[in-house]
């Protein structure tokens, strides 16, 4: 974490209204962020980039908007399910007032919402101390020789970081930026994380 902080500093990442983060957390499943940005722009243009907008808009319109993210029919189903449940629970304001444990349980109970999506929503939409374990996190940890399962990885980060949503979000952002810079471009020999013991 110290190595990444020295490299990226006070990084600002995924600052958006809670409803947009809820939608984006589904759209980012198995795709690049650039595709999510395009889909969010499409949803805004169609006037449905909100929980109520997703619930009240025809599937075909949402499918067309989120097509850049891939799996657009599946993601439309997931968006409809998640946004419908958010409305049932009283909207994002009501979710924001829920205790973290209950909110996480409610999110995970929605079909298509796994731990990564739930923790992204908790951390980035509601400012909760939930560390996001994703493909980038696993990759960087593997480079350090850490091959633990997701729950143990989460505990490792929680022990290493202050229990603070901003610290969790910032550390996750550092990992994502680092992985995009080194892992996607296969610059393994230059990887500082891989060679921390030297």
N, C-alpha and C. Protein backbone atom coordinates (compact mmCIF):
# COMPACT_ATOMS: atom_id res chain seq x y z
N UNK A 1 0.83 -1.20 0.00
CA UNK A 1 0.00 0.00 0.00
C UNK A 1 0.87 1.26 0.00
N UNK A 2 1.98 1.21 0.74
CA UNK A 2 2.89 2.36 0.76
C UNK A 2 3.50 2.59 -0.62
N UNK A 3 3.85 1.52 -1.29
CA UNK A 3 4.40 1.62 -2.64
C UNK A 3 3.39 2.28 -3.59
N UNK A 4 2.15 1.85 -3.53
CA UNK A 4 1.12 2.38 -4.42
C UNK A 4 0.76 3.81 -4.06
N UNK A 5 0.75 4.12 -2.76
CA UNK A 5 0.46 5.49 -2.34
C UNK A 5 1.52 6.44 -2.87
N UNK A 6 2.78 6.01 -2.80
CA UNK A 6 3.86 6.84 -3.31
C UNK A 6 3.75 7.07 -4.81
N UNK A 7 3.16 6.11 -5.50
CA UNK A 7 3.04 6.19 -6.96
C UNK A 7 1.84 7.03 -7.39
N UNK A 8 0.68 6.86 -6.72
CA UNK A 8 -0.56 7.47 -7.19
C UNK A 8 -1.12 8.57 -6.27
N UNK A 9 -0.71 8.57 -5.02
CA UNK A 9 -1.13 9.64 -4.10
C UNK A 9 -2.62 9.73 -3.87
N UNK A 10 -3.09 10.93 -3.67
CA UNK A 10 -4.51 11.18 -3.33
C UNK A 10 -5.38 11.08 -4.58
N UNK A 11 -5.51 9.88 -5.05
CA UNK A 11 -6.24 9.61 -6.29
C UNK A 11 -7.75 9.81 -6.06
N UNK A 12 -8.41 10.34 -7.07
CA UNK A 12 -9.86 10.53 -7.02
C UNK A 12 -10.47 9.59 -8.05
N UNK A 13 -11.41 8.77 -7.62
CA UNK A 13 -11.86 7.69 -8.50
C UNK A 13 -13.31 7.36 -8.24
N UNK A 14 -14.09 7.22 -9.27
CA UNK A 14 -15.49 6.84 -9.26
C UNK A 14 -16.31 7.73 -8.33
N UNK A 15 -16.23 9.02 -8.57
CA UNK A 15 -17.07 9.97 -7.83
C UNK A 15 -18.31 10.24 -8.67
N UNK A 16 -19.44 9.72 -8.20
CA UNK A 16 -20.70 9.86 -8.92
C UNK A 16 -21.83 9.77 -7.91
N UNK A 17 -23.03 10.24 -8.29
CA UNK A 17 -24.18 10.10 -7.39
C UNK A 17 -24.43 8.62 -7.08
N UNK A 18 -24.97 8.31 -5.89
CA UNK A 18 -25.19 6.92 -5.50
C UNK A 18 -25.96 6.09 -6.52
N UNK A 19 -27.01 6.66 -7.11
CA UNK A 19 -27.79 5.89 -8.08
C UNK A 19 -26.95 5.50 -9.29
N UNK A 20 -26.08 6.40 -9.73
CA UNK A 20 -25.22 6.10 -10.87
C UNK A 20 -24.21 5.02 -10.51
N UNK A 21 -23.72 5.02 -9.28
CA UNK A 21 -22.78 3.98 -8.84
C UNK A 21 -23.48 2.63 -8.78
N UNK A 22 -24.71 2.60 -8.28
CA UNK A 22 -25.49 1.35 -8.23
C UNK A 22 -25.60 0.77 -9.64
N UNK A 23 -25.94 1.60 -10.60
CA UNK A 23 -26.06 1.15 -11.99
C UNK A 23 -24.70 0.75 -12.55
N UNK A 24 -23.70 1.58 -12.33
CA UNK A 24 -22.36 1.31 -12.84
C UNK A 24 -21.75 0.05 -12.29
N UNK A 25 -22.07 -0.29 -11.04
CA UNK A 25 -21.51 -1.50 -10.42
C UNK A 25 -21.97 -2.76 -11.14
N UNK A 26 -23.18 -2.72 -11.69
CA UNK A 26 -23.66 -3.86 -12.49
C UNK A 26 -23.01 -3.82 -13.87
N UNK A 27 -22.96 -2.65 -14.46
CA UNK A 27 -22.42 -2.54 -15.83
C UNK A 27 -20.95 -2.91 -15.91
N UNK A 28 -20.20 -2.70 -14.83
CA UNK A 28 -18.76 -2.95 -14.87
C UNK A 28 -18.40 -4.43 -14.79
N UNK A 29 -19.39 -5.28 -14.57
CA UNK A 29 -19.13 -6.71 -14.51
C UNK A 29 -18.58 -7.20 -15.85
N UNK A 30 -17.39 -7.77 -15.81
CA UNK A 30 -16.75 -8.39 -16.97
C UNK A 30 -16.57 -7.46 -18.17
N UNK A 31 -16.20 -6.23 -17.90
CA UNK A 31 -15.91 -5.31 -19.01
C UNK A 31 -14.95 -4.23 -18.55
N UNK A 32 -14.46 -3.44 -19.48
CA UNK A 32 -13.55 -2.34 -19.16
C UNK A 32 -14.35 -1.09 -18.79
N UNK A 33 -13.70 -0.23 -18.02
CA UNK A 33 -14.37 0.97 -17.54
C UNK A 33 -14.81 1.89 -18.68
N UNK A 34 -14.04 1.92 -19.75
CA UNK A 34 -14.39 2.78 -20.89
C UNK A 34 -15.77 2.41 -21.44
N UNK A 35 -16.07 1.11 -21.44
CA UNK A 35 -17.37 0.65 -21.93
C UNK A 35 -18.50 1.08 -21.00
N UNK A 36 -18.21 1.06 -19.69
CA UNK A 36 -19.20 1.50 -18.71
C UNK A 36 -19.50 2.98 -18.90
N UNK A 37 -18.46 3.77 -19.11
CA UNK A 37 -18.63 5.21 -19.33
C UNK A 37 -19.56 5.48 -20.51
N UNK A 38 -19.36 4.73 -21.60
CA UNK A 38 -20.21 4.89 -22.77
C UNK A 38 -21.66 4.51 -22.47
N UNK A 39 -21.83 3.40 -21.73
CA UNK A 39 -23.19 2.95 -21.40
C UNK A 39 -23.89 3.94 -20.47
N UNK A 40 -23.17 4.48 -19.50
CA UNK A 40 -23.76 5.47 -18.59
C UNK A 40 -24.20 6.70 -19.40
N UNK A 41 -23.36 7.14 -20.33
CA UNK A 41 -23.71 8.28 -21.18
C UNK A 41 -24.97 7.96 -22.00
N UNK A 42 -25.05 6.73 -22.51
CA UNK A 42 -26.23 6.32 -23.28
C UNK A 42 -27.50 6.33 -22.41
N UNK A 43 -27.38 5.84 -21.18
CA UNK A 43 -28.52 5.83 -20.27
C UNK A 43 -28.96 7.25 -19.94
N UNK A 44 -28.00 8.14 -19.75
CA UNK A 44 -28.34 9.54 -19.48
C UNK A 44 -29.06 10.15 -20.67
N UNK A 45 -28.56 9.86 -21.85
CA UNK A 45 -29.18 10.40 -23.06
C UNK A 45 -30.61 9.87 -23.23
N UNK A 46 -30.82 8.62 -22.81
CA UNK A 46 -32.16 8.03 -22.90
C UNK A 46 -33.05 8.45 -21.73
N UNK A 47 -32.48 9.19 -20.78
CA UNK A 47 -33.25 9.69 -19.64
C UNK A 47 -33.57 8.64 -18.59
N UNK A 48 -32.73 7.61 -18.49
CA UNK A 48 -33.04 6.53 -17.53
C UNK A 48 -31.84 6.11 -16.69
N UNK A 49 -30.92 7.05 -16.42
CA UNK A 49 -29.77 6.72 -15.59
C UNK A 49 -30.07 7.01 -14.12
N UNK A 50 -31.08 6.31 -13.62
CA UNK A 50 -31.49 6.43 -12.22
C UNK A 50 -32.21 5.15 -11.86
N UNK A 51 -32.41 4.93 -10.58
CA UNK A 51 -33.14 3.73 -10.15
C UNK A 51 -34.55 3.72 -10.74
N UNK A 52 -35.27 4.83 -10.58
CA UNK A 52 -36.63 4.91 -11.12
C UNK A 52 -36.61 4.82 -12.65
N UNK A 53 -35.60 5.41 -13.27
CA UNK A 53 -35.49 5.37 -14.72
C UNK A 53 -35.32 3.96 -15.24
N UNK A 54 -34.47 3.18 -14.59
CA UNK A 54 -34.26 1.78 -15.01
C UNK A 54 -35.54 0.98 -14.82
N UNK A 55 -36.20 1.17 -13.68
CA UNK A 55 -37.43 0.42 -13.39
C UNK A 55 -38.52 0.76 -14.40
N UNK A 56 -38.65 2.04 -14.77
CA UNK A 56 -39.74 2.48 -15.62
C UNK A 56 -39.49 2.47 -17.11
N UNK A 57 -38.30 2.07 -17.51
CA UNK A 57 -37.95 2.11 -18.94
C UNK A 57 -38.03 0.71 -19.55
N UNK A 58 -38.47 0.63 -20.79
CA UNK A 58 -38.59 -0.65 -21.48
C UNK A 58 -37.22 -1.31 -21.61
N UNK A 59 -37.23 -2.63 -21.54
CA UNK A 59 -35.98 -3.41 -21.60
C UNK A 59 -35.18 -3.11 -22.87
N UNK A 60 -35.88 -2.98 -23.98
CA UNK A 60 -35.19 -2.77 -25.26
C UNK A 60 -34.35 -1.49 -25.22
N UNK A 61 -34.88 -0.45 -24.60
CA UNK A 61 -34.16 0.82 -24.51
C UNK A 61 -32.92 0.67 -23.64
N UNK A 62 -33.06 -0.02 -22.52
CA UNK A 62 -31.90 -0.22 -21.64
C UNK A 62 -30.87 -1.12 -22.32
N UNK A 63 -31.34 -2.17 -22.96
CA UNK A 63 -30.43 -3.08 -23.67
C UNK A 63 -29.59 -2.32 -24.70
N UNK A 64 -30.23 -1.45 -25.46
CA UNK A 64 -29.51 -0.67 -26.47
C UNK A 64 -28.49 0.24 -25.82
N UNK A 65 -28.84 0.83 -24.69
CA UNK A 65 -27.94 1.77 -24.00
C UNK A 65 -26.73 1.06 -23.41
N UNK A 66 -26.94 -0.13 -22.85
CA UNK A 66 -25.83 -0.82 -22.15
C UNK A 66 -25.09 -1.80 -23.05
N UNK A 67 -25.45 -1.87 -24.32
CA UNK A 67 -24.81 -2.79 -25.25
C UNK A 67 -23.27 -2.70 -25.24
N UNK A 68 -22.67 -1.50 -25.11
CA UNK A 68 -21.20 -1.42 -25.13
C UNK A 68 -20.51 -2.24 -24.03
N UNK A 69 -21.24 -2.59 -22.96
CA UNK A 69 -20.61 -3.31 -21.86
C UNK A 69 -20.62 -4.83 -22.06
N UNK A 70 -21.27 -5.30 -23.13
CA UNK A 70 -21.37 -6.73 -23.35
C UNK A 70 -22.43 -7.35 -22.45
N UNK A 71 -22.87 -8.57 -22.78
CA UNK A 71 -23.88 -9.27 -21.99
C UNK A 71 -25.07 -8.35 -21.68
N UNK A 72 -25.47 -7.56 -22.68
CA UNK A 72 -26.43 -6.48 -22.44
C UNK A 72 -27.80 -6.98 -22.00
N UNK A 73 -28.21 -8.15 -22.44
CA UNK A 73 -29.51 -8.68 -21.99
C UNK A 73 -29.43 -9.11 -20.52
N UNK A 74 -28.36 -9.80 -20.18
CA UNK A 74 -28.15 -10.23 -18.78
C UNK A 74 -28.04 -9.01 -17.87
N UNK A 75 -27.28 -8.01 -18.30
CA UNK A 75 -27.09 -6.82 -17.47
C UNK A 75 -28.38 -6.02 -17.32
N UNK A 76 -29.19 -6.02 -18.36
CA UNK A 76 -30.49 -5.36 -18.25
C UNK A 76 -31.35 -6.06 -17.21
N UNK A 77 -31.36 -7.39 -17.23
CA UNK A 77 -32.10 -8.16 -16.23
C UNK A 77 -31.60 -7.83 -14.82
N UNK A 78 -30.28 -7.78 -14.67
CA UNK A 78 -29.70 -7.51 -13.36
C UNK A 78 -30.01 -6.08 -12.90
N UNK A 79 -29.94 -5.14 -13.82
CA UNK A 79 -30.27 -3.75 -13.47
C UNK A 79 -31.73 -3.63 -13.04
N UNK A 80 -32.61 -4.29 -13.80
CA UNK A 80 -34.04 -4.25 -13.46
C UNK A 80 -34.27 -4.85 -12.06
N UNK A 81 -33.63 -5.99 -11.79
CA UNK A 81 -33.80 -6.66 -10.50
C UNK A 81 -33.26 -5.79 -9.35
N UNK A 82 -32.05 -5.27 -9.53
CA UNK A 82 -31.43 -4.48 -8.46
C UNK A 82 -32.19 -3.18 -8.22
N UNK A 83 -32.49 -2.46 -9.29
CA UNK A 83 -33.19 -1.18 -9.13
C UNK A 83 -34.60 -1.38 -8.59
N UNK A 84 -35.25 -2.47 -9.01
CA UNK A 84 -36.57 -2.79 -8.45
C UNK A 84 -36.49 -3.03 -6.96
N UNK A 85 -35.47 -3.75 -6.53
CA UNK A 85 -35.31 -4.02 -5.10
C UNK A 85 -34.97 -2.74 -4.33
N UNK A 86 -34.15 -1.90 -4.92
CA UNK A 86 -33.81 -0.62 -4.27
C UNK A 86 -35.09 0.19 -4.05
N UNK A 87 -35.96 0.23 -5.07
CA UNK A 87 -37.24 0.94 -4.92
C UNK A 87 -38.11 0.32 -3.83
N UNK A 88 -38.17 -1.02 -3.80
CA UNK A 88 -38.96 -1.71 -2.78
C UNK A 88 -38.49 -1.36 -1.37
N UNK A 89 -37.19 -1.16 -1.23
CA UNK A 89 -36.61 -0.85 0.08
C UNK A 89 -36.70 0.63 0.44
N UNK A 90 -37.23 1.44 -0.48
CA UNK A 90 -37.44 2.85 -0.18
C UNK A 90 -36.49 3.81 -0.88
N UNK A 91 -35.71 3.31 -1.84
CA UNK A 91 -34.79 4.16 -2.60
C UNK A 91 -33.41 4.23 -1.97
N UNK A 92 -32.50 4.93 -2.66
CA UNK A 92 -31.11 4.98 -2.19
C UNK A 92 -30.99 5.70 -0.85
N UNK A 93 -31.89 6.64 -0.58
CA UNK A 93 -31.86 7.32 0.71
C UNK A 93 -32.09 6.36 1.86
N UNK A 94 -33.06 5.46 1.68
CA UNK A 94 -33.35 4.45 2.70
C UNK A 94 -32.20 3.46 2.83
N UNK A 95 -31.59 3.10 1.71
CA UNK A 95 -30.45 2.19 1.77
C UNK A 95 -29.29 2.84 2.51
N UNK A 96 -29.09 4.12 2.26
CA UNK A 96 -28.01 4.84 2.92
C UNK A 96 -28.14 4.90 4.42
N UNK A 97 -29.37 4.74 4.92
CA UNK A 97 -29.61 4.77 6.37
C UNK A 97 -29.50 3.39 7.01
N UNK A 98 -29.38 2.35 6.19
CA UNK A 98 -29.31 0.99 6.73
C UNK A 98 -27.94 0.70 7.33
N UNK A 99 -27.88 -0.14 8.35
CA UNK A 99 -26.58 -0.62 8.84
C UNK A 99 -25.87 -1.39 7.73
N UNK A 100 -24.56 -1.32 7.69
CA UNK A 100 -23.77 -1.93 6.61
C UNK A 100 -24.05 -3.41 6.44
N UNK A 101 -24.10 -4.15 7.53
CA UNK A 101 -24.30 -5.60 7.43
C UNK A 101 -25.64 -5.90 6.75
N UNK A 102 -26.69 -5.23 7.16
CA UNK A 102 -28.01 -5.47 6.54
C UNK A 102 -28.02 -5.04 5.08
N UNK A 103 -27.41 -3.89 4.79
CA UNK A 103 -27.39 -3.40 3.42
C UNK A 103 -26.67 -4.38 2.51
N UNK A 104 -25.55 -4.91 2.99
CA UNK A 104 -24.79 -5.89 2.19
C UNK A 104 -25.65 -7.14 1.94
N UNK A 105 -26.35 -7.59 2.97
CA UNK A 105 -27.22 -8.76 2.83
C UNK A 105 -28.33 -8.50 1.81
N UNK A 106 -28.92 -7.32 1.86
CA UNK A 106 -29.98 -6.96 0.91
C UNK A 106 -29.46 -6.94 -0.52
N UNK A 107 -28.27 -6.39 -0.70
CA UNK A 107 -27.68 -6.35 -2.04
C UNK A 107 -27.36 -7.75 -2.55
N UNK A 108 -26.76 -8.57 -1.69
CA UNK A 108 -26.38 -9.92 -2.10
C UNK A 108 -27.59 -10.82 -2.37
N UNK A 109 -28.74 -10.45 -1.83
CA UNK A 109 -29.96 -11.24 -2.05
C UNK A 109 -30.54 -11.03 -3.45
N UNK A 110 -30.06 -10.01 -4.16
CA UNK A 110 -30.56 -9.72 -5.51
C UNK A 110 -29.81 -10.60 -6.51
N UNK A 111 -30.55 -11.26 -7.36
CA UNK A 111 -29.93 -12.13 -8.37
C UNK A 111 -29.00 -11.32 -9.27
N UNK A 112 -27.78 -11.81 -9.43
CA UNK A 112 -26.80 -11.14 -10.28
C UNK A 112 -25.90 -10.18 -9.53
N UNK A 113 -26.13 -10.01 -8.23
CA UNK A 113 -25.27 -9.16 -7.42
C UNK A 113 -24.40 -10.05 -6.54
N UNK A 114 -23.11 -10.11 -6.88
CA UNK A 114 -22.16 -10.88 -6.09
C UNK A 114 -21.41 -9.97 -5.13
N UNK A 115 -20.42 -10.51 -4.48
CA UNK A 115 -19.70 -9.76 -3.46
C UNK A 115 -18.98 -8.54 -4.03
N UNK A 116 -18.36 -8.69 -5.20
CA UNK A 116 -17.65 -7.55 -5.79
C UNK A 116 -18.61 -6.40 -6.08
N UNK A 117 -19.76 -6.72 -6.68
CA UNK A 117 -20.74 -5.68 -7.00
C UNK A 117 -21.30 -5.06 -5.72
N UNK A 118 -21.65 -5.90 -4.76
CA UNK A 118 -22.20 -5.39 -3.49
C UNK A 118 -21.19 -4.49 -2.79
N UNK A 119 -19.94 -4.93 -2.71
CA UNK A 119 -18.93 -4.13 -2.01
C UNK A 119 -18.60 -2.84 -2.76
N UNK A 120 -18.66 -2.87 -4.08
CA UNK A 120 -18.47 -1.64 -4.86
C UNK A 120 -19.56 -0.63 -4.53
N UNK A 121 -20.79 -1.11 -4.45
CA UNK A 121 -21.91 -0.23 -4.12
C UNK A 121 -21.74 0.31 -2.70
N UNK A 122 -21.41 -0.57 -1.77
CA UNK A 122 -21.22 -0.15 -0.38
C UNK A 122 -20.14 0.93 -0.28
N UNK A 123 -19.01 0.67 -0.91
CA UNK A 123 -17.85 1.57 -0.79
C UNK A 123 -18.06 2.87 -1.55
N UNK A 124 -18.44 2.78 -2.81
CA UNK A 124 -18.45 3.96 -3.67
C UNK A 124 -19.78 4.72 -3.69
N UNK A 125 -20.89 4.03 -3.44
CA UNK A 125 -22.19 4.73 -3.42
C UNK A 125 -22.54 5.23 -2.03
N UNK A 126 -22.19 4.42 -1.01
CA UNK A 126 -22.65 4.73 0.34
C UNK A 126 -21.52 5.03 1.34
N UNK A 127 -20.28 5.06 0.86
CA UNK A 127 -19.17 5.44 1.73
C UNK A 127 -18.97 4.52 2.92
N UNK A 128 -19.16 3.22 2.70
CA UNK A 128 -18.99 2.25 3.77
C UNK A 128 -17.61 1.61 3.70
N UNK A 129 -17.15 1.13 4.82
CA UNK A 129 -15.85 0.45 4.89
C UNK A 129 -15.99 -0.98 4.37
N UNK A 130 -16.04 -1.10 3.06
CA UNK A 130 -16.15 -2.40 2.39
C UNK A 130 -15.06 -2.44 1.33
N UNK A 131 -14.07 -3.31 1.51
CA UNK A 131 -12.99 -3.37 0.54
C UNK A 131 -13.40 -4.25 -0.64
N UNK A 132 -13.19 -3.75 -1.85
CA UNK A 132 -13.62 -4.45 -3.07
C UNK A 132 -12.52 -5.41 -3.53
N UNK A 133 -12.88 -6.67 -3.61
CA UNK A 133 -11.97 -7.67 -4.17
C UNK A 133 -12.45 -7.95 -5.59
N UNK A 134 -11.60 -7.63 -6.56
CA UNK A 134 -11.95 -7.85 -7.97
C UNK A 134 -10.78 -8.52 -8.68
N UNK A 135 -10.90 -8.66 -9.99
CA UNK A 135 -9.85 -9.34 -10.76
C UNK A 135 -8.51 -8.62 -10.63
N UNK A 136 -8.52 -7.29 -10.58
CA UNK A 136 -7.28 -6.54 -10.44
C UNK A 136 -6.63 -6.82 -9.09
N UNK A 137 -7.44 -6.84 -8.03
CA UNK A 137 -6.92 -7.11 -6.69
C UNK A 137 -6.29 -8.50 -6.63
N UNK A 138 -7.00 -9.48 -7.18
CA UNK A 138 -6.47 -10.86 -7.18
C UNK A 138 -5.17 -10.94 -7.95
N UNK A 139 -5.10 -10.26 -9.10
CA UNK A 139 -3.89 -10.30 -9.93
C UNK A 139 -2.70 -9.71 -9.21
N UNK A 140 -2.87 -8.52 -8.62
CA UNK A 140 -1.76 -7.87 -7.91
C UNK A 140 -1.34 -8.71 -6.71
N UNK A 141 -2.29 -9.30 -6.01
CA UNK A 141 -1.95 -10.15 -4.87
C UNK A 141 -1.19 -11.39 -5.32
N UNK A 142 -1.60 -12.00 -6.44
CA UNK A 142 -0.87 -13.16 -6.97
C UNK A 142 0.58 -12.80 -7.28
N UNK A 143 0.79 -11.58 -7.76
CA UNK A 143 2.15 -11.15 -8.07
C UNK A 143 3.01 -11.06 -6.81
N UNK A 144 2.36 -10.89 -5.66
CA UNK A 144 3.07 -10.87 -4.38
C UNK A 144 3.13 -12.25 -3.75
N UNK A 145 2.58 -13.25 -4.44
CA UNK A 145 2.59 -14.60 -3.92
C UNK A 145 1.44 -14.89 -2.96
N UNK A 146 0.43 -14.02 -2.95
CA UNK A 146 -0.73 -14.21 -2.08
C UNK A 146 -1.86 -14.80 -2.92
N UNK A 147 -2.22 -16.03 -2.62
CA UNK A 147 -3.24 -16.72 -3.42
C UNK A 147 -4.46 -17.10 -2.59
N UNK A 148 -4.73 -16.36 -1.56
CA UNK A 148 -5.86 -16.64 -0.68
C UNK A 148 -7.19 -16.44 -1.40
N UNK A 149 -8.23 -17.08 -0.88
CA UNK A 149 -9.58 -16.89 -1.39
C UNK A 149 -10.05 -15.48 -1.04
N UNK A 150 -11.09 -15.03 -1.73
CA UNK A 150 -11.57 -13.66 -1.58
C UNK A 150 -11.84 -13.24 -0.12
N UNK A 151 -12.52 -14.05 0.69
CA UNK A 151 -12.77 -13.60 2.07
C UNK A 151 -11.49 -13.33 2.86
N UNK A 152 -10.49 -14.19 2.65
CA UNK A 152 -9.21 -13.97 3.36
C UNK A 152 -8.48 -12.76 2.80
N UNK A 153 -8.53 -12.56 1.48
CA UNK A 153 -7.92 -11.36 0.89
C UNK A 153 -8.55 -10.11 1.48
N UNK A 154 -9.87 -10.11 1.58
CA UNK A 154 -10.58 -8.96 2.15
C UNK A 154 -10.10 -8.69 3.58
N UNK A 155 -9.97 -9.76 4.36
CA UNK A 155 -9.50 -9.60 5.75
C UNK A 155 -8.08 -9.04 5.79
N UNK A 156 -7.23 -9.48 4.87
CA UNK A 156 -5.84 -8.97 4.82
C UNK A 156 -5.83 -7.47 4.58
N UNK A 157 -6.63 -7.01 3.63
CA UNK A 157 -6.68 -5.57 3.35
C UNK A 157 -7.30 -4.80 4.51
N UNK A 158 -8.31 -5.38 5.11
CA UNK A 158 -8.95 -4.72 6.25
C UNK A 158 -7.99 -4.56 7.42
N UNK A 159 -7.09 -5.54 7.59
CA UNK A 159 -6.10 -5.43 8.66
C UNK A 159 -5.00 -4.43 8.32
N UNK A 160 -4.69 -4.32 7.04
CA UNK A 160 -3.58 -3.46 6.61
C UNK A 160 -3.97 -1.98 6.49
N UNK A 161 -5.27 -1.72 6.35
CA UNK A 161 -5.74 -0.35 6.12
C UNK A 161 -6.53 0.17 7.31
N UNK A 162 -6.57 1.49 7.47
CA UNK A 162 -7.47 2.05 8.49
C UNK A 162 -8.91 1.71 8.12
N UNK A 163 -9.76 1.46 9.12
CA UNK A 163 -11.15 1.14 8.83
C UNK A 163 -11.89 2.42 8.47
N UNK A 164 -11.75 2.77 7.19
CA UNK A 164 -12.26 4.04 6.71
C UNK A 164 -12.62 3.86 5.24
N UNK A 165 -13.82 4.25 4.87
CA UNK A 165 -14.29 4.06 3.49
C UNK A 165 -13.38 4.75 2.48
N UNK A 166 -12.92 5.95 2.80
CA UNK A 166 -12.05 6.66 1.86
C UNK A 166 -10.72 5.93 1.67
N UNK A 167 -10.18 5.39 2.75
CA UNK A 167 -8.92 4.64 2.65
C UNK A 167 -9.12 3.38 1.81
N UNK A 168 -10.26 2.70 1.98
CA UNK A 168 -10.55 1.50 1.20
C UNK A 168 -10.71 1.85 -0.28
N UNK A 169 -11.47 2.90 -0.55
CA UNK A 169 -11.71 3.31 -1.94
C UNK A 169 -10.41 3.72 -2.61
N UNK A 170 -9.60 4.49 -1.90
CA UNK A 170 -8.33 4.96 -2.46
C UNK A 170 -7.39 3.78 -2.74
N UNK A 171 -7.28 2.85 -1.79
CA UNK A 171 -6.40 1.69 -1.98
C UNK A 171 -6.87 0.83 -3.15
N UNK A 172 -8.18 0.64 -3.26
CA UNK A 172 -8.70 -0.14 -4.38
C UNK A 172 -8.40 0.57 -5.70
N UNK A 173 -8.56 1.88 -5.72
CA UNK A 173 -8.26 2.65 -6.93
C UNK A 173 -6.78 2.53 -7.30
N UNK A 174 -5.90 2.57 -6.31
CA UNK A 174 -4.46 2.40 -6.59
C UNK A 174 -4.20 1.06 -7.26
N UNK A 175 -4.83 0.01 -6.73
CA UNK A 175 -4.62 -1.34 -7.27
C UNK A 175 -5.12 -1.41 -8.71
N UNK A 176 -6.29 -0.86 -8.96
CA UNK A 176 -6.85 -0.89 -10.32
C UNK A 176 -5.93 -0.15 -11.28
N UNK A 177 -5.50 1.05 -10.90
CA UNK A 177 -4.62 1.83 -11.79
C UNK A 177 -3.31 1.10 -12.03
N UNK A 178 -2.74 0.52 -10.99
CA UNK A 178 -1.48 -0.20 -11.13
C UNK A 178 -1.64 -1.41 -12.06
N UNK A 179 -2.70 -2.17 -11.83
CA UNK A 179 -2.94 -3.37 -12.65
C UNK A 179 -3.18 -3.00 -14.12
N UNK A 180 -3.89 -1.89 -14.35
CA UNK A 180 -4.11 -1.45 -15.73
C UNK A 180 -2.79 -1.04 -16.38
N UNK A 181 -1.91 -0.45 -15.59
CA UNK A 181 -0.62 0.01 -16.12
C UNK A 181 0.34 -1.14 -16.38
N UNK A 182 0.36 -2.13 -15.50
CA UNK A 182 1.36 -3.20 -15.60
C UNK A 182 0.80 -4.54 -16.06
N UNK A 183 -0.33 -4.97 -15.49
CA UNK A 183 -0.83 -6.31 -15.77
C UNK A 183 -1.43 -6.42 -17.16
N UNK A 184 -2.21 -5.41 -17.57
CA UNK A 184 -2.84 -5.47 -18.89
C UNK A 184 -1.82 -5.35 -20.01
N UNK A 185 -0.71 -4.69 -19.73
CA UNK A 185 0.31 -4.50 -20.76
C UNK A 185 1.46 -5.48 -20.61
N UNK A 186 1.30 -6.44 -19.69
CA UNK A 186 2.29 -7.51 -19.48
C UNK A 186 3.70 -6.97 -19.28
N UNK A 187 3.82 -6.05 -18.33
CA UNK A 187 5.13 -5.48 -18.00
C UNK A 187 5.65 -6.12 -16.72
N UNK A 188 5.57 -7.44 -16.65
CA UNK A 188 5.89 -8.18 -15.43
C UNK A 188 7.32 -7.94 -14.94
N UNK A 189 8.27 -7.83 -15.85
CA UNK A 189 9.66 -7.65 -15.44
C UNK A 189 9.88 -6.30 -14.77
N UNK A 190 9.05 -5.32 -15.10
CA UNK A 190 9.18 -3.99 -14.48
C UNK A 190 8.34 -3.86 -13.21
N UNK A 191 7.54 -4.87 -12.90
CA UNK A 191 6.56 -4.78 -11.82
C UNK A 191 7.24 -4.57 -10.47
N UNK A 192 6.98 -3.42 -9.87
CA UNK A 192 7.56 -3.10 -8.57
C UNK A 192 6.93 -3.95 -7.47
N UNK A 193 5.67 -4.24 -7.59
CA UNK A 193 4.98 -5.06 -6.59
C UNK A 193 5.59 -6.47 -6.55
N UNK A 194 5.83 -7.01 -7.73
CA UNK A 194 6.40 -8.35 -7.83
C UNK A 194 7.79 -8.42 -7.21
N UNK A 195 8.48 -7.30 -7.24
CA UNK A 195 9.87 -7.27 -6.78
C UNK A 195 10.07 -6.50 -5.47
N UNK A 196 9.04 -6.42 -4.65
CA UNK A 196 9.13 -5.65 -3.40
C UNK A 196 10.20 -6.18 -2.45
N UNK A 197 10.49 -7.47 -2.53
CA UNK A 197 11.46 -8.06 -1.60
C UNK A 197 12.90 -7.71 -1.97
N UNK A 198 13.08 -7.15 -3.16
CA UNK A 198 14.46 -6.85 -3.61
C UNK A 198 14.97 -5.55 -3.03
